[in-house]
Amino acid sequence: MRHIPDVATRHMILQVLAWMWAVAFSTAVGSYTYFAAYLIGHIVLVGAAAITVATYTVATYKPAVFRSLGRGKHGEHE
């Protein structure tokens, strides 16, 4: 900047650069904040889908796992 002879022009350019960097950093921080929220939300959704698939798979191939969860003794209905 020292090579620009007019002090007012030099000051204006520094103001524009400062504004540009403020916008760049605030955009980056905002993006990171929202990205974290979206990431957590997607992890929860993918986890719920994985648990659902695992439950249906176990119910298909090993239904005895769920017998102790039923009513009565050993899952037998009264």
N, C-alpha and C. Protein backbone atom coordinates (compact mmCIF):
# COMPACT_ATOMS: atom_id res chain seq x y z
N MET A 1 0.82 -1.19 0.00
CA MET A 1 0.00 0.00 0.00
C MET A 1 0.86 1.26 0.00
N ARG A 2 2.06 1.15 0.48
CA ARG A 2 2.91 2.35 0.59
C ARG A 2 3.24 2.94 -0.78
N HIS A 3 3.05 2.17 -1.84
CA HIS A 3 3.37 2.66 -3.18
C HIS A 3 2.23 3.49 -3.78
N ILE A 4 1.07 3.48 -3.14
CA ILE A 4 -0.04 4.32 -3.60
C ILE A 4 0.18 5.71 -3.01
N PRO A 5 0.32 6.71 -3.86
CA PRO A 5 0.69 8.04 -3.36
C PRO A 5 -0.42 8.75 -2.57
N ASP A 6 -1.68 8.56 -2.93
CA ASP A 6 -2.76 9.28 -2.28
C ASP A 6 -3.19 8.55 -1.01
N VAL A 7 -3.13 9.24 0.11
CA VAL A 7 -3.46 8.64 1.40
C VAL A 7 -4.94 8.25 1.47
N ALA A 8 -5.82 9.06 0.89
CA ALA A 8 -7.25 8.77 0.91
C ALA A 8 -7.55 7.49 0.12
N THR A 9 -6.90 7.31 -1.03
CA THR A 9 -7.09 6.10 -1.83
C THR A 9 -6.57 4.89 -1.07
N ARG A 10 -5.41 5.04 -0.46
CA ARG A 10 -4.82 3.96 0.34
C ARG A 10 -5.78 3.55 1.47
N HIS A 11 -6.33 4.55 2.13
CA HIS A 11 -7.27 4.28 3.23
C HIS A 11 -8.52 3.57 2.71
N MET A 12 -9.06 4.02 1.58
CA MET A 12 -10.25 3.40 1.00
C MET A 12 -10.00 1.94 0.64
N ILE A 13 -8.86 1.66 0.06
CA ILE A 13 -8.53 0.28 -0.32
C ILE A 13 -8.41 -0.59 0.93
N LEU A 14 -7.79 -0.09 1.98
CA LEU A 14 -7.67 -0.85 3.23
C LEU A 14 -9.05 -1.09 3.86
N GLN A 15 -9.94 -0.11 3.76
CA GLN A 15 -11.30 -0.29 4.29
C GLN A 15 -12.04 -1.39 3.52
N VAL A 16 -11.91 -1.37 2.20
CA VAL A 16 -12.57 -2.39 1.37
C VAL A 16 -12.00 -3.78 1.68
N LEU A 17 -10.68 -3.88 1.82
CA LEU A 17 -10.07 -5.16 2.17
C LEU A 17 -10.52 -5.64 3.55
N ALA A 18 -10.61 -4.74 4.50
CA ALA A 18 -11.07 -5.10 5.84
C ALA A 18 -12.50 -5.61 5.80
N TRP A 19 -13.35 -4.92 5.05
CA TRP A 19 -14.74 -5.35 4.89
C TRP A 19 -14.81 -6.72 4.24
N MET A 20 -14.00 -6.93 3.20
CA MET A 20 -13.99 -8.22 2.50
C MET A 20 -13.61 -9.35 3.46
N TRP A 21 -12.58 -9.14 4.28
CA TRP A 21 -12.15 -10.18 5.21
C TRP A 21 -13.18 -10.42 6.31
N ALA A 22 -13.84 -9.38 6.76
CA ALA A 22 -14.89 -9.54 7.77
C ALA A 22 -16.04 -10.39 7.23
N VAL A 23 -16.44 -10.12 6.00
CA VAL A 23 -17.50 -10.91 5.37
C VAL A 23 -17.04 -12.35 5.17
N ALA A 24 -15.80 -12.53 4.71
CA ALA A 24 -15.29 -13.88 4.47
C ALA A 24 -15.26 -14.71 5.75
N PHE A 25 -14.75 -14.13 6.84
CA PHE A 25 -14.68 -14.87 8.09
C PHE A 25 -16.06 -15.13 8.69
N SER A 26 -16.95 -14.16 8.63
CA SER A 26 -18.28 -14.37 9.19
C SER A 26 -19.05 -15.42 8.38
N THR A 27 -18.87 -15.44 7.08
CA THR A 27 -19.49 -16.46 6.24
C THR A 27 -18.93 -17.84 6.58
N ALA A 28 -17.63 -17.92 6.75
CA ALA A 28 -17.01 -19.20 7.08
C ALA A 28 -17.48 -19.72 8.43
N VAL A 29 -17.49 -18.87 9.44
CA VAL A 29 -17.92 -19.29 10.78
C VAL A 29 -19.39 -19.68 10.76
N GLY A 30 -20.21 -18.92 10.07
CA GLY A 30 -21.63 -19.27 9.95
C GLY A 30 -21.84 -20.59 9.25
N SER A 31 -21.06 -20.83 8.21
CA SER A 31 -21.18 -22.09 7.49
C SER A 31 -20.77 -23.26 8.37
N TYR A 32 -19.70 -23.09 9.14
CA TYR A 32 -19.25 -24.16 10.03
C TYR A 32 -20.30 -24.46 11.09
N THR A 33 -20.94 -23.42 11.61
CA THR A 33 -21.96 -23.60 12.64
C THR A 33 -23.14 -24.37 12.08
N TYR A 34 -23.66 -23.96 10.94
CA TYR A 34 -24.79 -24.66 10.35
C TYR A 34 -24.39 -26.04 9.88
N PHE A 35 -23.17 -26.19 9.41
CA PHE A 35 -22.70 -27.51 8.97
C PHE A 35 -22.71 -28.50 10.12
N ALA A 36 -22.30 -28.05 11.31
CA ALA A 36 -22.31 -28.93 12.47
C ALA A 36 -23.73 -29.39 12.80
N ALA A 37 -24.69 -28.47 12.75
CA ALA A 37 -26.08 -28.82 13.03
C ALA A 37 -26.61 -29.80 11.99
N TYR A 38 -26.32 -29.55 10.71
CA TYR A 38 -26.76 -30.47 9.66
C TYR A 38 -26.08 -31.82 9.80
N LEU A 39 -24.82 -31.82 10.16
CA LEU A 39 -24.08 -33.07 10.32
C LEU A 39 -24.68 -33.91 11.44
N ILE A 40 -24.97 -33.29 12.57
CA ILE A 40 -25.58 -34.03 13.68
C ILE A 40 -26.95 -34.56 13.29
N GLY A 41 -27.74 -33.74 12.62
CA GLY A 41 -29.06 -34.19 12.16
C GLY A 41 -28.98 -35.37 11.21
N HIS A 42 -28.04 -35.32 10.29
CA HIS A 42 -27.90 -36.43 9.35
C HIS A 42 -27.38 -37.69 10.04
N ILE A 43 -26.50 -37.54 11.00
CA ILE A 43 -26.02 -38.71 11.74
C ILE A 43 -27.18 -39.38 12.49
N VAL A 44 -28.05 -38.57 13.08
CA VAL A 44 -29.21 -39.13 13.79
C VAL A 44 -30.13 -39.86 12.81
N LEU A 45 -30.39 -39.27 11.66
CA LEU A 45 -31.27 -39.92 10.68
C LEU A 45 -30.67 -41.22 10.14
N VAL A 46 -29.40 -41.20 9.80
CA VAL A 46 -28.74 -42.40 9.29
C VAL A 46 -28.69 -43.47 10.38
N GLY A 47 -28.43 -43.06 11.61
CA GLY A 47 -28.42 -44.01 12.72
C GLY A 47 -29.78 -44.65 12.93
N ALA A 48 -30.84 -43.86 12.86
CA ALA A 48 -32.20 -44.39 13.01
C ALA A 48 -32.51 -45.38 11.89
N ALA A 49 -32.11 -45.07 10.68
CA ALA A 49 -32.33 -45.99 9.55
C ALA A 49 -31.55 -47.28 9.75
N ALA A 50 -30.31 -47.19 10.23
CA ALA A 50 -29.50 -48.38 10.45
C ALA A 50 -30.09 -49.25 11.55
N ILE A 51 -30.59 -48.65 12.62
CA ILE A 51 -31.21 -49.42 13.69
C ILE A 51 -32.48 -50.11 13.20
N THR A 52 -33.25 -49.42 12.37
CA THR A 52 -34.47 -50.02 11.82
C THR A 52 -34.14 -51.21 10.93
N VAL A 53 -33.16 -51.07 10.05
CA VAL A 53 -32.77 -52.18 9.18
C VAL A 53 -32.24 -53.35 10.00
N ALA A 54 -31.42 -53.05 11.02
CA ALA A 54 -30.89 -54.11 11.87
C ALA A 54 -32.01 -54.83 12.61
N THR A 55 -33.01 -54.09 13.09
CA THR A 55 -34.13 -54.71 13.81
C THR A 55 -34.92 -55.64 12.89
N TYR A 56 -35.22 -55.19 11.68
CA TYR A 56 -35.95 -56.04 10.74
C TYR A 56 -35.12 -57.27 10.33
N THR A 57 -33.82 -57.09 10.18
CA THR A 57 -32.96 -58.21 9.81
C THR A 57 -32.91 -59.26 10.93
N VAL A 58 -32.76 -58.81 12.16
CA VAL A 58 -32.74 -59.75 13.29
C VAL A 58 -34.10 -60.42 13.42
N ALA A 59 -35.18 -59.68 13.24
CA ALA A 59 -36.52 -60.27 13.33
C ALA A 59 -36.73 -61.33 12.27
N THR A 60 -36.11 -61.16 11.10
CA THR A 60 -36.26 -62.13 10.03
C THR A 60 -35.46 -63.40 10.27
N TYR A 61 -34.20 -63.23 10.68
CA TYR A 61 -33.30 -64.38 10.77
C TYR A 61 -33.18 -64.97 12.18
N LYS A 62 -33.43 -64.21 13.21
CA LYS A 62 -33.32 -64.68 14.60
C LYS A 62 -34.48 -64.15 15.43
N PRO A 63 -35.70 -64.56 15.14
CA PRO A 63 -36.85 -64.02 15.88
C PRO A 63 -36.84 -64.39 17.36
N ALA A 64 -36.09 -65.42 17.74
CA ALA A 64 -36.04 -65.83 19.15
C ALA A 64 -35.45 -64.73 20.04
N VAL A 65 -34.70 -63.82 19.47
CA VAL A 65 -34.13 -62.73 20.25
C VAL A 65 -35.22 -61.88 20.90
N PHE A 66 -36.37 -61.80 20.26
CA PHE A 66 -37.45 -60.94 20.73
C PHE A 66 -38.47 -61.66 21.61
N ARG A 67 -38.29 -62.96 21.87
CA ARG A 67 -39.27 -63.70 22.68
C ARG A 67 -39.37 -63.18 24.10
N SER A 68 -38.27 -62.76 24.67
CA SER A 68 -38.30 -62.31 26.07
C SER A 68 -38.98 -60.95 26.21
N LEU A 69 -39.27 -60.30 25.11
CA LEU A 69 -39.92 -58.98 25.17
C LEU A 69 -41.44 -59.07 25.15
N GLY A 70 -41.98 -60.26 24.88
CA GLY A 70 -43.43 -60.42 24.78
C GLY A 70 -44.09 -60.50 26.13
N ARG A 71 -45.42 -60.67 26.12
CA ARG A 71 -46.18 -60.81 27.35
C ARG A 71 -46.05 -62.23 27.89
N GLY A 72 -46.22 -62.36 29.16
CA GLY A 72 -46.22 -63.68 29.78
C GLY A 72 -44.83 -64.29 29.86
N LYS A 73 -44.83 -65.58 30.21
CA LYS A 73 -43.58 -66.29 30.41
C LYS A 73 -42.99 -66.69 29.06
N HIS A 74 -41.76 -66.29 28.81
CA HIS A 74 -41.02 -66.60 27.59
C HIS A 74 -41.76 -66.16 26.33
N GLY A 75 -42.53 -65.12 26.44
CA GLY A 75 -43.18 -64.55 25.27
C GLY A 75 -44.46 -65.25 24.87
N GLU A 76 -44.90 -66.23 25.68
CA GLU A 76 -46.15 -66.91 25.36
C GLU A 76 -47.33 -66.08 25.79
N HIS A 77 -48.36 -66.05 24.97
CA HIS A 77 -49.54 -65.25 25.30
C HIS A 77 -50.47 -66.07 26.18
N GLU A 78 -51.12 -65.40 27.10
CA GLU A 78 -52.03 -66.08 28.02
C GLU A 78 -53.38 -66.30 27.41
